Amino acid sequence: MIPCIFLLVEPCSNNVTEYNALLIGMQLAEEISVKHLEAYSDSKLIVNQVHGEYEDSMPYYNATINMTEKFKCFYINRVPHQ
């Protein structure tokens, strides 16, 4: 676990916030040469989009898909809200 703090300076939707968190985590993992990455999110929308179950051309989605190619193995799954 690597503790980090990031702030989004402009107001944005929950989905944009979730995508930013995923992308920042993926970038950090790439910087420390992680090859096999597992990500977990409580966002059903984002997990299903990355799995290809929902279509989207949102720039955050496209950036996420491009980042997945930097890993030998990328896995994302949903964890329900508690």
PDB file of N, CA and C in Angstrom:
ATOM      1  N   MET A   1       0.841  -1.164   0.000  1.00  0.00           N
ATOM      2  CA  MET A   1       0.000   0.000   0.000  1.00  0.00           C
ATOM      3  C   MET A   1       0.895   1.239   0.000  1.00  0.00           C
ATOM      4  N   ILE A   2       0.577   2.160  -0.889  1.00  0.00           N
ATOM      5  CA  ILE A   2       1.318   3.414  -0.973  1.00  0.00           C
ATOM      6  C   ILE A   2       0.343   4.546  -0.682  1.00  0.00           C
ATOM      7  N   PRO A   3       0.473   5.202   0.461  1.00  0.00           N
ATOM      8  CA  PRO A   3      -0.467   6.283   0.774  1.00  0.00           C
ATOM      9  C   PRO A   3      -0.192   7.517  -0.086  1.00  0.00           C
ATOM     10  N   CYS A   4      -1.227   8.050  -0.691  1.00  0.00           N
ATOM     11  CA  CYS A   4      -1.116   9.244  -1.525  1.00  0.00           C
ATOM     12  C   CYS A   4      -2.365  10.093  -1.350  1.00  0.00           C
ATOM     13  N   ILE A   5      -2.210  11.377  -1.549  1.00  0.00           N
ATOM     14  CA  ILE A   5      -3.347  12.285  -1.514  1.00  0.00           C
ATOM     15  C   ILE A   5      -3.344  13.096  -2.797  1.00  0.00           C
ATOM     16  N   PHE A   6      -4.499  13.154  -3.432  1.00  0.00           N
ATOM     17  CA  PHE A   6      -4.671  13.957  -4.633  1.00  0.00           C
ATOM     18  C   PHE A   6      -5.944  14.765  -4.486  1.00  0.00           C
ATOM     19  N   LEU A   7      -5.923  15.975  -4.972  1.00  0.00           N
ATOM     20  CA  LEU A   7      -7.098  16.827  -4.916  1.00  0.00           C
ATOM     21  C   LEU A   7      -7.533  17.186  -6.332  1.00  0.00           C
ATOM     22  N   LEU A   8      -8.821  17.116  -6.574  1.00  0.00           N
ATOM     23  CA  LEU A   8      -9.378  17.593  -7.832  1.00  0.00           C
ATOM     24  C   LEU A   8      -9.811  19.027  -7.585  1.00  0.00           C
ATOM     25  N   VAL A   9      -9.304  19.950  -8.377  1.00  0.00           N
ATOM     26  CA  VAL A   9      -9.521  21.366  -8.093  1.00  0.00           C
ATOM     27  C   VAL A   9     -10.810  21.917  -8.687  1.00  0.00           C
ATOM     28  N   GLU A  10     -11.418  21.197  -9.595  1.00  0.00           N
ATOM     29  CA  GLU A  10     -12.671  21.657 -10.182  1.00  0.00           C
ATOM     30  C   GLU A  10     -13.786  20.684  -9.820  1.00  0.00           C
ATOM     31  N   PRO A  11     -14.998  21.198  -9.625  1.00  0.00           N
ATOM     32  CA  PRO A  11     -16.126  20.302  -9.343  1.00  0.00           C
ATOM     33  C   PRO A  11     -16.348  19.324 -10.496  1.00  0.00           C
ATOM     34  N   CYS A  12     -16.678  18.087 -10.153  1.00  0.00           N
ATOM     35  CA  CYS A  12     -16.926  17.082 -11.188  1.00  0.00           C
ATOM     36  C   CYS A  12     -17.887  16.026 -10.653  1.00  0.00           C
ATOM     37  N   SER A  13     -18.396  15.215 -11.553  1.00  0.00           N
ATOM     38  CA  SER A  13     -19.356  14.180 -11.177  1.00  0.00           C
ATOM     39  C   SER A  13     -18.658  13.049 -10.419  1.00  0.00           C
ATOM     40  N   ASN A  14     -19.457  12.221  -9.775  1.00  0.00           N
ATOM     41  CA  ASN A  14     -18.903  11.055  -9.082  1.00  0.00           C
ATOM     42  C   ASN A  14     -18.145  10.147 -10.043  1.00  0.00           C
ATOM     43  N   ASN A  15     -18.685   9.961 -11.254  1.00  0.00           N
ATOM     44  CA  ASN A  15     -18.020   9.084 -12.223  1.00  0.00           C
ATOM     45  C   ASN A  15     -16.658   9.628 -12.624  1.00  0.00           C
ATOM     46  N   VAL A  16     -16.565  10.933 -12.826  1.00  0.00           N
ATOM     47  CA  VAL A  16     -15.277  11.540 -13.181  1.00  0.00           C
ATOM     48  C   VAL A  16     -14.299  11.382 -12.018  1.00  0.00           C
ATOM     49  N   THR A  17     -14.773  11.560 -10.805  1.00  0.00           N
ATOM     50  CA  THR A  17     -13.927  11.378  -9.622  1.00  0.00           C
ATOM     51  C   THR A  17     -13.427   9.937  -9.542  1.00  0.00           C
ATOM     52  N   GLU A  18     -14.315   8.981  -9.765  1.00  0.00           N
ATOM     53  CA  GLU A  18     -13.939   7.562  -9.727  1.00  0.00           C
ATOM     54  C   GLU A  18     -12.910   7.235 -10.818  1.00  0.00           C
ATOM     55  N   TYR A  19     -13.133   7.748 -12.021  1.00  0.00           N
ATOM     56  CA  TYR A  19     -12.171   7.519 -13.102  1.00  0.00           C
ATOM     57  C   TYR A  19     -10.820   8.141 -12.772  1.00  0.00           C
ATOM     58  N   ASN A  20     -10.816   9.349 -12.216  1.00  0.00           N
ATOM     59  CA  ASN A  20      -9.554   9.982 -11.841  1.00  0.00           C
ATOM     60  C   ASN A  20      -8.805   9.143 -10.825  1.00  0.00           C
ATOM     61  N   ALA A  21      -9.506   8.620  -9.830  1.00  0.00           N
ATOM     62  CA  ALA A  21      -8.862   7.772  -8.818  1.00  0.00           C
ATOM     63  C   ALA A  21      -8.263   6.522  -9.465  1.00  0.00           C
ATOM     64  N   LEU A  22      -9.008   5.906 -10.372  1.00  0.00           N
ATOM     65  CA  LEU A  22      -8.510   4.715 -11.066  1.00  0.00           C
ATOM     66  C   LEU A  22      -7.277   5.049 -11.900  1.00  0.00           C
ATOM     67  N   LEU A  23      -7.349   6.134 -12.666  1.00  0.00           N
ATOM     68  CA  LEU A  23      -6.224   6.514 -13.525  1.00  0.00           C
ATOM     69  C   LEU A  23      -4.979   6.879 -12.713  1.00  0.00           C
ATOM     70  N   ILE A  24      -5.160   7.594 -11.622  1.00  0.00           N
ATOM     71  CA  ILE A  24      -4.009   7.951 -10.776  1.00  0.00           C
ATOM     72  C   ILE A  24      -3.377   6.693 -10.198  1.00  0.00           C
ATOM     73  N   GLY A  25      -4.197   5.764  -9.740  1.00  0.00           N
ATOM     74  CA  GLY A  25      -3.664   4.504  -9.224  1.00  0.00           C
ATOM     75  C   GLY A  25      -2.914   3.717 -10.282  1.00  0.00           C
ATOM     76  N   MET A  26      -3.458   3.703 -11.496  1.00  0.00           N
ATOM     77  CA  MET A  26      -2.797   2.996 -12.594  1.00  0.00           C
ATOM     78  C   MET A  26      -1.465   3.664 -12.945  1.00  0.00           C
ATOM     79  N   GLN A  27      -1.432   4.983 -12.946  1.00  0.00           N
ATOM     80  CA  GLN A  27      -0.192   5.700 -13.243  1.00  0.00           C
ATOM     81  C   GLN A  27       0.866   5.428 -12.178  1.00  0.00           C
ATOM     82  N   LEU A  28       0.455   5.430 -10.908  1.00  0.00           N
ATOM     83  CA  LEU A  28       1.403   5.110  -9.836  1.00  0.00           C
ATOM     84  C   LEU A  28       1.932   3.687  -9.976  1.00  0.00           C
ATOM     85  N   ALA A  29       1.049   2.752 -10.289  1.00  0.00           N
ATOM     86  CA  ALA A  29       1.474   1.357 -10.468  1.00  0.00           C
ATOM     87  C   ALA A  29       2.465   1.235 -11.620  1.00  0.00           C
ATOM     88  N   GLU A  30       2.206   1.935 -12.714  1.00  0.00           N
ATOM     89  CA  GLU A  30       3.135   1.894 -13.851  1.00  0.00           C
ATOM     90  C   GLU A  30       4.499   2.475 -13.457  1.00  0.00           C
ATOM     91  N   GLU A  31       4.492   3.566 -12.693  1.00  0.00           N
ATOM     92  CA  GLU A  31       5.747   4.212 -12.287  1.00  0.00           C
ATOM     93  C   GLU A  31       6.623   3.303 -11.433  1.00  0.00           C
ATOM     94  N   ILE A  32       6.018   2.405 -10.678  1.00  0.00           N
ATOM     95  CA  ILE A  32       6.826   1.492  -9.851  1.00  0.00           C
ATOM     96  C   ILE A  32       6.947   0.111 -10.496  1.00  0.00           C
ATOM     97  N   SER A  33       6.667   0.054 -11.802  1.00  0.00           N
ATOM     98  CA  SER A  33       6.892  -1.142 -12.634  1.00  0.00           C
ATOM     99  C   SER A  33       6.014  -2.331 -12.267  1.00  0.00           C
ATOM    100  N   VAL A  34       4.800  -2.072 -11.834  1.00  0.00           N
ATOM    101  CA  VAL A  34       3.850  -3.158 -11.595  1.00  0.00           C
ATOM    102  C   VAL A  34       3.464  -3.755 -12.946  1.00  0.00           C
ATOM    103  N   LYS A  35       3.437  -5.056 -13.038  1.00  0.00           N
ATOM    104  CA  LYS A  35       3.079  -5.730 -14.289  1.00  0.00           C
ATOM    105  C   LYS A  35       1.684  -6.344 -14.247  1.00  0.00           C
ATOM    106  N   HIS A  36       1.266  -6.781 -13.073  1.00  0.00           N
ATOM    107  CA  HIS A  36      -0.047  -7.397 -12.887  1.00  0.00           C
ATOM    108  C   HIS A  36      -0.816  -6.540 -11.876  1.00  0.00           C
ATOM    109  N   LEU A  37      -1.882  -5.915 -12.348  1.00  0.00           N
ATOM    110  CA  LEU A  37      -2.605  -4.968 -11.505  1.00  0.00           C
ATOM    111  C   LEU A  37      -4.052  -5.401 -11.316  1.00  0.00           C
ATOM    112  N   GLU A  38      -4.493  -5.387 -10.068  1.00  0.00           N
ATOM    113  CA  GLU A  38      -5.898  -5.628  -9.724  1.00  0.00           C
ATOM    114  C   GLU A  38      -6.468  -4.325  -9.172  1.00  0.00           C
ATOM    115  N   ALA A  39      -7.612  -3.923  -9.694  1.00  0.00           N
ATOM    116  CA  ALA A  39      -8.280  -2.712  -9.222  1.00  0.00           C
ATOM    117  C   ALA A  39      -9.692  -3.077  -8.780  1.00  0.00           C
ATOM    118  N   TYR A  40     -10.164  -2.393  -7.761  1.00  0.00           N
ATOM    119  CA  TYR A  40     -11.501  -2.622  -7.246  1.00  0.00           C
ATOM    120  C   TYR A  40     -12.197  -1.281  -7.102  1.00  0.00           C
ATOM    121  N   SER A  41     -13.445  -1.240  -7.501  1.00  0.00           N
ATOM    122  CA  SER A  41     -14.217  -0.001  -7.453  1.00  0.00           C
ATOM    123  C   SER A  41     -15.641  -0.315  -7.012  1.00  0.00           C
ATOM    124  N   ASP A  42     -16.271   0.656  -6.371  1.00  0.00           N
ATOM    125  CA  ASP A  42     -17.680   0.483  -6.039  1.00  0.00           C
ATOM    126  C   ASP A  42     -18.582   1.059  -7.125  1.00  0.00           C
ATOM    127  N   SER A  43     -17.979   1.521  -8.221  1.00  0.00           N
ATOM    128  CA  SER A  43     -18.754   2.082  -9.326  1.00  0.00           C
ATOM    129  C   SER A  43     -19.104   0.997 -10.344  1.00  0.00           C
ATOM    130  N   LYS A  44     -20.366   0.597 -10.341  1.00  0.00           N
ATOM    131  CA  LYS A  44     -20.829  -0.407 -11.302  1.00  0.00           C
ATOM    132  C   LYS A  44     -20.628   0.092 -12.735  1.00  0.00           C
ATOM    133  N   LEU A  45     -20.887   1.369 -12.968  1.00  0.00           N
ATOM    134  CA  LEU A  45     -20.740   1.943 -14.301  1.00  0.00           C
ATOM    135  C   LEU A  45     -19.319   1.803 -14.814  1.00  0.00           C
ATOM    136  N   ILE A  46     -18.347   2.202 -14.025  1.00  0.00           N
ATOM    137  CA  ILE A  46     -16.958   2.169 -14.478  1.00  0.00           C
ATOM    138  C   ILE A  46     -16.472   0.747 -14.686  1.00  0.00           C
ATOM    139  N   VAL A  47     -16.760  -0.134 -13.745  1.00  0.00           N
ATOM    140  CA  VAL A  47     -16.330  -1.536 -13.888  1.00  0.00           C
ATOM    141  C   VAL A  47     -16.941  -2.146 -15.143  1.00  0.00           C
ATOM    142  N   ASN A  48     -18.228  -1.927 -15.363  1.00  0.00           N
ATOM    143  CA  ASN A  48     -18.878  -2.491 -16.553  1.00  0.00           C
ATOM    144  C   ASN A  48     -18.359  -1.855 -17.840  1.00  0.00           C
ATOM    145  N   GLN A  49     -18.038  -0.577 -17.830  1.00  0.00           N
ATOM    146  CA  GLN A  49     -17.470   0.050 -19.020  1.00  0.00           C
ATOM    147  C   GLN A  49     -16.106  -0.546 -19.348  1.00  0.00           C
ATOM    148  N   VAL A  50     -15.271  -0.694 -18.336  1.00  0.00           N
ATOM    149  CA  VAL A  50     -13.929  -1.253 -18.573  1.00  0.00           C
ATOM    150  C   VAL A  50     -14.026  -2.702 -19.035  1.00  0.00           C
ATOM    151  N   HIS A  51     -15.010  -3.441 -18.561  1.00  0.00           N
ATOM    152  CA  HIS A  51     -15.229  -4.820 -19.012  1.00  0.00           C
ATOM    153  C   HIS A  51     -15.815  -4.874 -20.414  1.00  0.00           C
ATOM    154  N   GLY A  52     -16.238  -3.735 -20.948  1.00  0.00           N
ATOM    155  CA  GLY A  52     -16.809  -3.700 -22.288  1.00  0.00           C
ATOM    156  C   GLY A  52     -18.297  -3.980 -22.321  1.00  0.00           C
ATOM    157  N   GLU A  53     -18.934  -4.018 -21.156  1.00  0.00           N
ATOM    158  CA  GLU A  53     -20.368  -4.303 -21.093  1.00  0.00           C
ATOM    159  C   GLU A  53     -21.207  -3.071 -21.416  1.00  0.00           C
ATOM    160  N   TYR A  54     -20.669  -1.886 -21.142  1.00  0.00           N
ATOM    161  CA  TYR A  54     -21.344  -0.640 -21.473  1.00  0.00           C
ATOM    162  C   TYR A  54     -20.440   0.119 -22.436  1.00  0.00           C
ATOM    163  N   GLU A  55     -21.011   0.710 -23.440  1.00  0.00           N
ATOM    164  CA  GLU A  55     -20.237   1.508 -24.387  1.00  0.00           C
ATOM    165  C   GLU A  55     -20.074   2.924 -23.859  1.00  0.00           C
ATOM    166  N   ASP A  56     -18.933   3.524 -24.111  1.00  0.00           N
ATOM    167  CA  ASP A  56     -18.717   4.910 -23.739  1.00  0.00           C
ATOM    168  C   ASP A  56     -17.525   5.446 -24.508  1.00  0.00           C
ATOM    169  N   SER A  57     -17.611   6.687 -24.933  1.00  0.00           N
ATOM    170  CA  SER A  57     -16.486   7.319 -25.608  1.00  0.00           C
ATOM    171  C   SER A  57     -15.933   8.455 -24.762  1.00  0.00           C
ATOM    172  N   MET A  58     -16.283   8.465 -23.481  1.00  0.00           N
ATOM    173  CA  MET A  58     -15.808   9.489 -22.562  1.00  0.00           C
ATOM    174  C   MET A  58     -14.282   9.454 -22.511  1.00  0.00           C
ATOM    175  N   PRO A  59     -13.627  10.617 -22.513  1.00  0.00           N
ATOM    176  CA  PRO A  59     -12.156  10.634 -22.498  1.00  0.00           C
ATOM    177  C   PRO A  59     -11.540   9.837 -21.347  1.00  0.00           C
ATOM    178  N   TYR A  60     -12.186   9.831 -20.178  1.00  0.00           N
ATOM    179  CA  TYR A  60     -11.646   9.075 -19.044  1.00  0.00           C
ATOM    180  C   TYR A  60     -11.696   7.578 -19.318  1.00  0.00           C
ATOM    181  N   TYR A  61     -12.738   7.133 -19.931  1.00  0.00           N
ATOM    182  CA  TYR A  61     -12.845   5.721 -20.310  1.00  0.00           C
ATOM    183  C   TYR A  61     -11.727   5.364 -21.289  1.00  0.00           C
ATOM    184  N   ASN A  62     -11.562   6.183 -22.316  1.00  0.00           N
ATOM    185  CA  ASN A  62     -10.517   5.924 -23.323  1.00  0.00           C
ATOM    186  C   ASN A  62      -9.129   5.923 -22.686  1.00  0.00           C
ATOM    187  N   ALA A  63      -8.877   6.854 -21.789  1.00  0.00           N
ATOM    188  CA  ALA A  63      -7.581   6.901 -21.104  1.00  0.00           C
ATOM    189  C   ALA A  63      -7.362   5.654 -20.261  1.00  0.00           C
ATOM    190  N   THR A  64      -8.419   5.178 -19.613  1.00  0.00           N
ATOM    191  CA  THR A  64      -8.315   3.972 -18.791  1.00  0.00           C
ATOM    192  C   THR A  64      -7.992   2.759 -19.653  1.00  0.00           C
ATOM    193  N   ILE A  65      -8.698   2.615 -20.767  1.00  0.00           N
ATOM    194  CA  ILE A  65      -8.440   1.484 -21.669  1.00  0.00           C
ATOM    195  C   ILE A  65      -7.007   1.543 -22.193  1.00  0.00           C
ATOM    196  N   ASN A  66      -6.525   2.724 -22.541  1.00  0.00           N
ATOM    197  CA  ASN A  66      -5.136   2.862 -22.999  1.00  0.00           C
ATOM    198  C   ASN A  66      -4.149   2.485 -21.898  1.00  0.00           C
ATOM    199  N   MET A  67      -4.455   2.846 -20.659  1.00  0.00           N
ATOM    200  CA  MET A  67      -3.559   2.506 -19.543  1.00  0.00           C
ATOM    201  C   MET A  67      -3.519   1.003 -19.286  1.00  0.00           C
ATOM    202  N   THR A  68      -4.627   0.306 -19.513  1.00  0.00           N
ATOM    203  CA  THR A  68      -4.633  -1.144 -19.256  1.00  0.00           C
ATOM    204  C   THR A  68      -3.609  -1.861 -20.125  1.00  0.00           C
ATOM    205  N   GLU A  69      -3.309  -1.301 -21.282  1.00  0.00           N
ATOM    206  CA  GLU A  69      -2.356  -1.927 -22.199  1.00  0.00           C
ATOM    207  C   GLU A  69      -0.928  -1.852 -21.692  1.00  0.00           C
ATOM    208  N   LYS A  70      -0.669  -1.067 -20.672  1.00  0.00           N
ATOM    209  CA  LYS A  70       0.685  -0.939 -20.126  1.00  0.00           C
ATOM    210  C   LYS A  70       1.016  -2.048 -19.130  1.00  0.00           C
ATOM    211  N   PHE A  71       0.029  -2.888 -18.825  1.00  0.00           N
ATOM    212  CA  PHE A  71       0.226  -3.968 -17.869  1.00  0.00           C
ATOM    213  C   PHE A  71       0.110  -5.315 -18.577  1.00  0.00           C
ATOM    214  N   LYS A  72       0.887  -6.286 -18.117  1.00  0.00           N
ATOM    215  CA  LYS A  72       0.753  -7.641 -18.657  1.00  0.00           C
ATOM    216  C   LYS A  72      -0.634  -8.181 -18.366  1.00  0.00           C
ATOM    217  N   CYS A  73      -1.133  -7.869 -17.184  1.00  0.00           N
ATOM    218  CA  CYS A  73      -2.437  -8.343 -16.759  1.00  0.00           C
ATOM    219  C   CYS A  73      -3.118  -7.218 -15.989  1.00  0.00           C
ATOM    220  N   PHE A  74      -4.344  -6.927 -16.361  1.00  0.00           N
ATOM    221  CA  PHE A  74      -5.135  -5.932 -15.643  1.00  0.00           C
ATOM    222  C   PHE A  74      -6.488  -6.537 -15.333  1.00  0.00           C
ATOM    223  N   TYR A  75      -6.882  -6.445 -14.069  1.00  0.00           N
ATOM    224  CA  TYR A  75      -8.146  -7.004 -13.610  1.00  0.00           C
ATOM    225  C   TYR A  75      -8.868  -5.922 -12.823  1.00  0.00           C
ATOM    226  N   ILE A  76     -10.147  -5.742 -13.107  1.00  0.00           N
ATOM    227  CA  ILE A  76     -10.956  -4.814 -12.327  1.00  0.00           C
ATOM    228  C   ILE A  76     -12.256  -5.513 -11.957  1.00  0.00           C
ATOM    229  N   ASN A  77     -12.666  -5.299 -10.724  1.00  0.00           N
ATOM    230  CA  ASN A  77     -13.907  -5.893 -10.265  1.00  0.00           C
ATOM    231  C   ASN A  77     -14.616  -4.905  -9.356  1.00  0.00           C
ATOM    232  N   ARG A  78     -15.891  -5.136  -9.180  1.00  0.00           N
ATOM    233  CA  ARG A  78     -16.712  -4.249  -8.372  1.00  0.00           C
ATOM    234  C   ARG A  78     -16.848  -4.789  -6.955  1.00  0.00           C
ATOM    235  N   VAL A  79     -16.726  -3.888  -6.020  1.00  0.00           N
ATOM    236  CA  VAL A  79     -17.030  -4.196  -4.624  1.00  0.00           C
ATOM    237  C   VAL A  79     -18.252  -3.357  -4.260  1.00  0.00           C
ATOM    238  N   PRO A  80     -19.284  -3.972  -3.728  1.00  0.00           N
ATOM    239  CA  PRO A  80     -20.517  -3.224  -3.431  1.00  0.00           C
ATOM    240  C   PRO A  80     -20.305  -2.231  -2.279  1.00  0.00           C
ATOM    241  N   HIS A  81     -21.141  -1.205  -2.264  1.00  0.00           N
ATOM    242  CA  HIS A  81     -21.155  -0.265  -1.151  1.00  0.00           C
ATOM    243  C   HIS A  81     -21.474  -1.013   0.134  1.00  0.00           C
ATOM    244  N   GLN A  82     -20.870  -0.617   1.206  1.00  0.00           N
ATOM    245  CA  GLN A  82     -21.150  -1.233   2.511  1.00  0.00           C
ATOM    246  C   GLN A  82     -22.140  -0.414   3.278  1.00  0.00           C
TER     247      GLN A  82
END
